[in-house]
Amino acid sequence: MCEGVLLVNQFFDSEELEIFDCQLLKDLLQFKWNMFARRLHTFGCSMHFFYLGTIMAYINMVYIENFGSENQQLYTLLLGLGISYPAAYDTI
C-alpha cells in the first residue's frame, strides 16, 4: 500500500472512461455509499429541510401574520439549532 496515494484520486486523474465500467469499482463505490455517505447525506438533507421549515414558519409568524414575539424565542432557538449543522459541516 502506498502512503499518501488515494484510490479515488487515481480514478479522478485518469482520462480513461472505461475504468468506470469495471464491476469492482462499481462495487467499491456502492460499498462506500452504503457504509458512509448515505447516512451522512440523509442526515444533512433532513437538517436542511428542518431549517427550511423552521424559517418558513418564522417568516409566516413574524412578517405575514404579525403575531409579534410570543413564540419568537422558540423560533430563534430552532433556527440556531437548524443552522448549527451546516455551519459545523462546512468547517470540517
N, C-alpha and C. Protein backbone atom coordinates (compact mmCIF):
# COMPACT_ATOMS: atom_id res chain seq x y z
N MET A 1 0.84 -1.18 0.00
CA MET A 1 0.00 0.00 0.00
C MET A 1 0.89 1.24 0.00
N CYS A 2 0.61 2.15 -0.85
CA CYS A 2 1.41 3.38 -0.98
C CYS A 2 0.83 4.45 -0.06
N GLU A 3 1.66 4.98 0.77
CA GLU A 3 1.23 6.05 1.68
C GLU A 3 1.01 7.33 0.88
N GLY A 4 -0.06 8.03 1.16
CA GLY A 4 -0.35 9.31 0.52
C GLY A 4 -1.00 9.18 -0.85
N VAL A 5 -1.26 7.98 -1.32
CA VAL A 5 -1.91 7.78 -2.62
C VAL A 5 -3.34 7.34 -2.37
N LEU A 6 -4.27 8.11 -2.86
CA LEU A 6 -5.69 7.79 -2.69
C LEU A 6 -6.23 7.17 -3.97
N LEU A 7 -6.98 6.10 -3.82
CA LEU A 7 -7.53 5.39 -4.97
C LEU A 7 -8.47 6.28 -5.76
N VAL A 8 -9.27 7.05 -5.07
CA VAL A 8 -10.24 7.92 -5.74
C VAL A 8 -9.52 8.96 -6.59
N ASN A 9 -8.39 9.48 -6.11
CA ASN A 9 -7.62 10.45 -6.90
C ASN A 9 -7.08 9.82 -8.17
N GLN A 10 -6.73 8.55 -8.11
CA GLN A 10 -6.25 7.86 -9.30
C GLN A 10 -7.34 7.77 -10.36
N PHE A 11 -8.57 7.53 -9.94
CA PHE A 11 -9.68 7.50 -10.88
C PHE A 11 -9.99 8.88 -11.41
N PHE A 12 -9.88 9.88 -10.56
CA PHE A 12 -10.19 11.25 -10.95
C PHE A 12 -9.18 11.77 -11.97
N ASP A 13 -7.92 11.42 -11.79
CA ASP A 13 -6.87 11.91 -12.68
C ASP A 13 -6.83 11.17 -14.01
N SER A 14 -7.48 10.03 -14.09
CA SER A 14 -7.44 9.23 -15.31
C SER A 14 -8.41 9.79 -16.35
N GLU A 15 -8.01 9.71 -17.61
CA GLU A 15 -8.89 10.14 -18.70
C GLU A 15 -9.56 8.96 -19.39
N GLU A 16 -9.36 7.76 -18.88
CA GLU A 16 -9.95 6.56 -19.46
C GLU A 16 -11.31 6.30 -18.82
N LEU A 17 -12.35 6.54 -19.58
CA LEU A 17 -13.71 6.36 -19.06
C LEU A 17 -14.08 4.89 -18.87
N GLU A 18 -13.33 4.00 -19.50
CA GLU A 18 -13.61 2.58 -19.37
C GLU A 18 -13.38 2.07 -17.95
N ILE A 19 -12.60 2.81 -17.18
CA ILE A 19 -12.34 2.43 -15.79
C ILE A 19 -13.65 2.33 -15.02
N PHE A 20 -14.58 3.21 -15.33
CA PHE A 20 -15.83 3.26 -14.57
C PHE A 20 -16.81 2.17 -14.97
N ASP A 21 -16.49 1.38 -15.99
CA ASP A 21 -17.31 0.22 -16.35
C ASP A 21 -16.90 -1.03 -15.58
N CYS A 22 -15.85 -0.94 -14.82
CA CYS A 22 -15.33 -2.08 -14.07
C CYS A 22 -16.29 -2.41 -12.92
N GLN A 23 -16.68 -3.68 -12.81
CA GLN A 23 -17.60 -4.10 -11.76
C GLN A 23 -16.99 -3.92 -10.38
N LEU A 24 -15.69 -4.11 -10.26
CA LEU A 24 -15.01 -3.94 -8.98
C LEU A 24 -15.14 -2.50 -8.48
N LEU A 25 -14.96 -1.54 -9.36
CA LEU A 25 -15.10 -0.13 -8.98
C LEU A 25 -16.54 0.19 -8.60
N LYS A 26 -17.48 -0.34 -9.36
CA LYS A 26 -18.90 -0.13 -9.03
C LYS A 26 -19.23 -0.69 -7.66
N ASP A 27 -18.70 -1.88 -7.36
CA ASP A 27 -18.93 -2.49 -6.05
C ASP A 27 -18.28 -1.67 -4.94
N LEU A 28 -17.07 -1.14 -5.19
CA LEU A 28 -16.38 -0.32 -4.20
C LEU A 28 -17.16 0.95 -3.90
N LEU A 29 -17.63 1.62 -4.95
CA LEU A 29 -18.41 2.86 -4.75
C LEU A 29 -19.73 2.58 -4.05
N GLN A 30 -20.38 1.48 -4.41
CA GLN A 30 -21.64 1.11 -3.75
C GLN A 30 -21.41 0.81 -2.26
N PHE A 31 -20.31 0.12 -1.96
CA PHE A 31 -19.98 -0.18 -0.57
C PHE A 31 -19.73 1.10 0.23
N LYS A 32 -18.94 2.02 -0.34
CA LYS A 32 -18.65 3.27 0.37
C LYS A 32 -19.92 4.10 0.56
N TRP A 33 -20.80 4.09 -0.45
CA TRP A 33 -22.06 4.82 -0.32
C TRP A 33 -22.91 4.23 0.80
N ASN A 34 -23.04 2.91 0.82
CA ASN A 34 -23.88 2.25 1.83
C ASN A 34 -23.30 2.38 3.23
N MET A 35 -21.98 2.31 3.38
CA MET A 35 -21.37 2.32 4.71
C MET A 35 -21.20 3.73 5.28
N PHE A 36 -20.93 4.72 4.46
CA PHE A 36 -20.57 6.02 4.98
C PHE A 36 -21.45 7.15 4.46
N ALA A 37 -21.57 7.30 3.18
CA ALA A 37 -22.14 8.51 2.60
C ALA A 37 -23.65 8.61 2.75
N ARG A 38 -24.37 7.51 2.62
CA ARG A 38 -25.84 7.58 2.66
C ARG A 38 -26.34 8.16 3.98
N ARG A 39 -25.80 7.68 5.08
CA ARG A 39 -26.24 8.15 6.40
C ARG A 39 -25.91 9.64 6.57
N LEU A 40 -24.72 10.03 6.17
CA LEU A 40 -24.29 11.43 6.30
C LEU A 40 -25.16 12.36 5.46
N HIS A 41 -25.40 11.98 4.21
CA HIS A 41 -26.19 12.83 3.32
C HIS A 41 -27.66 12.84 3.69
N THR A 42 -28.19 11.74 4.19
CA THR A 42 -29.58 11.71 4.64
C THR A 42 -29.78 12.62 5.84
N PHE A 43 -28.85 12.56 6.79
CA PHE A 43 -28.93 13.44 7.95
C PHE A 43 -28.80 14.90 7.54
N GLY A 44 -27.85 15.19 6.66
CA GLY A 44 -27.66 16.57 6.19
C GLY A 44 -28.87 17.11 5.47
N CYS A 45 -29.49 16.27 4.63
CA CYS A 45 -30.70 16.69 3.92
C CYS A 45 -31.85 16.95 4.88
N SER A 46 -32.01 16.09 5.87
CA SER A 46 -33.09 16.29 6.85
C SER A 46 -32.86 17.55 7.67
N MET A 47 -31.60 17.87 7.98
CA MET A 47 -31.31 19.10 8.71
C MET A 47 -31.62 20.34 7.86
N HIS A 48 -31.33 20.27 6.57
CA HIS A 48 -31.66 21.40 5.69
C HIS A 48 -33.17 21.58 5.58
N PHE A 49 -33.92 20.48 5.48
CA PHE A 49 -35.37 20.59 5.44
C PHE A 49 -35.94 21.10 6.76
N PHE A 50 -35.36 20.68 7.88
CA PHE A 50 -35.77 21.19 9.19
C PHE A 50 -35.57 22.70 9.26
N TYR A 51 -34.39 23.15 8.82
CA TYR A 51 -34.10 24.59 8.85
C TYR A 51 -35.04 25.34 7.91
N LEU A 52 -35.27 24.79 6.73
CA LEU A 52 -36.16 25.43 5.77
C LEU A 52 -37.58 25.55 6.32
N GLY A 53 -38.08 24.48 6.93
CA GLY A 53 -39.42 24.53 7.53
C GLY A 53 -39.50 25.52 8.68
N THR A 54 -38.45 25.56 9.49
CA THR A 54 -38.44 26.49 10.63
C THR A 54 -38.41 27.93 10.15
N ILE A 55 -37.58 28.23 9.16
CA ILE A 55 -37.50 29.62 8.69
C ILE A 55 -38.79 30.03 7.97
N MET A 56 -39.44 29.09 7.29
CA MET A 56 -40.72 29.41 6.66
C MET A 56 -41.78 29.70 7.71
N ALA A 57 -41.82 28.91 8.78
CA ALA A 57 -42.79 29.15 9.86
C ALA A 57 -42.49 30.48 10.55
N TYR A 58 -41.21 30.78 10.75
CA TYR A 58 -40.82 32.05 11.40
C TYR A 58 -41.23 33.24 10.54
N ILE A 59 -40.96 33.18 9.24
CA ILE A 59 -41.33 34.28 8.35
C ILE A 59 -42.84 34.45 8.32
N ASN A 60 -43.57 33.34 8.30
CA ASN A 60 -45.02 33.42 8.31
C ASN A 60 -45.53 34.05 9.60
N MET A 61 -44.95 33.65 10.72
CA MET A 61 -45.41 34.16 12.01
C MET A 61 -45.10 35.65 12.17
N VAL A 62 -43.87 36.05 11.88
CA VAL A 62 -43.43 37.41 12.18
C VAL A 62 -43.85 38.40 11.10
N TYR A 63 -43.68 38.05 9.83
CA TYR A 63 -43.87 39.03 8.77
C TYR A 63 -45.22 38.96 8.09
N ILE A 64 -45.84 37.80 8.03
CA ILE A 64 -47.11 37.69 7.32
C ILE A 64 -48.29 37.79 8.27
N GLU A 65 -48.28 37.01 9.36
CA GLU A 65 -49.39 37.01 10.30
C GLU A 65 -49.25 38.08 11.39
N ASN A 66 -48.07 38.65 11.56
CA ASN A 66 -47.81 39.69 12.56
C ASN A 66 -48.19 39.26 13.97
N PHE A 67 -47.78 38.04 14.36
CA PHE A 67 -48.08 37.55 15.69
C PHE A 67 -47.25 38.24 16.77
N GLY A 68 -46.18 38.86 16.38
CA GLY A 68 -45.34 39.52 17.38
C GLY A 68 -44.30 38.58 17.93
N SER A 69 -44.02 38.71 19.22
CA SER A 69 -42.88 37.99 19.79
C SER A 69 -43.29 36.90 20.78
N GLU A 70 -44.51 36.40 20.70
CA GLU A 70 -44.93 35.40 21.68
C GLU A 70 -44.16 34.07 21.54
N ASN A 71 -43.84 33.66 20.34
CA ASN A 71 -43.06 32.44 20.12
C ASN A 71 -41.72 32.73 19.46
N GLN A 72 -41.31 33.98 19.45
CA GLN A 72 -40.11 34.36 18.72
C GLN A 72 -38.85 33.72 19.33
N GLN A 73 -38.81 33.57 20.63
CA GLN A 73 -37.64 32.94 21.26
C GLN A 73 -37.53 31.47 20.88
N LEU A 74 -38.65 30.78 20.79
CA LEU A 74 -38.64 29.38 20.38
C LEU A 74 -38.13 29.24 18.95
N TYR A 75 -38.64 30.09 18.05
CA TYR A 75 -38.19 30.03 16.67
C TYR A 75 -36.72 30.42 16.54
N THR A 76 -36.28 31.36 17.33
CA THR A 76 -34.87 31.75 17.30
C THR A 76 -33.99 30.59 17.75
N LEU A 77 -34.41 29.87 18.76
CA LEU A 77 -33.66 28.69 19.21
C LEU A 77 -33.65 27.60 18.14
N LEU A 78 -34.80 27.35 17.52
CA LEU A 78 -34.88 26.34 16.46
C LEU A 78 -34.04 26.73 15.25
N LEU A 79 -34.04 28.01 14.90
CA LEU A 79 -33.20 28.47 13.78
C LEU A 79 -31.73 28.31 14.11
N GLY A 80 -31.37 28.58 15.35
CA GLY A 80 -29.97 28.39 15.77
C GLY A 80 -29.56 26.93 15.71
N LEU A 81 -30.45 26.05 16.13
CA LEU A 81 -30.16 24.61 16.04
C LEU A 81 -30.09 24.16 14.59
N GLY A 82 -30.98 24.68 13.77
CA GLY A 82 -31.02 24.28 12.37
C GLY A 82 -29.80 24.72 11.58
N ILE A 83 -29.23 25.87 11.93
CA ILE A 83 -28.08 26.38 11.19
C ILE A 83 -26.76 25.83 11.75
N SER A 84 -26.81 25.22 12.93
CA SER A 84 -25.57 24.72 13.53
C SER A 84 -24.96 23.57 12.75
N TYR A 85 -25.79 22.67 12.19
CA TYR A 85 -25.23 21.56 11.43
C TYR A 85 -24.52 22.02 10.16
N PRO A 86 -25.15 22.83 9.30
CA PRO A 86 -24.42 23.29 8.10
C PRO A 86 -23.16 24.09 8.46
N ALA A 87 -23.22 24.87 9.52
CA ALA A 87 -22.04 25.63 9.92
C ALA A 87 -20.92 24.72 10.39
N ALA A 88 -21.26 23.68 11.14
CA ALA A 88 -20.24 22.72 11.61
C ALA A 88 -19.74 21.86 10.46
N TYR A 89 -20.62 21.50 9.54
CA TYR A 89 -20.24 20.66 8.40
C TYR A 89 -19.28 21.39 7.47
N ASP A 90 -19.49 22.69 7.28
CA ASP A 90 -18.63 23.47 6.39
C ASP A 90 -17.24 23.67 6.96
N THR A 91 -17.09 23.58 8.27
CA THR A 91 -15.76 23.79 8.85
C THR A 91 -14.92 22.52 8.86
N ILE A 92 -15.54 21.38 8.56
CA ILE A 92 -14.80 20.10 8.56
C ILE A 92 -13.92 20.00 7.34
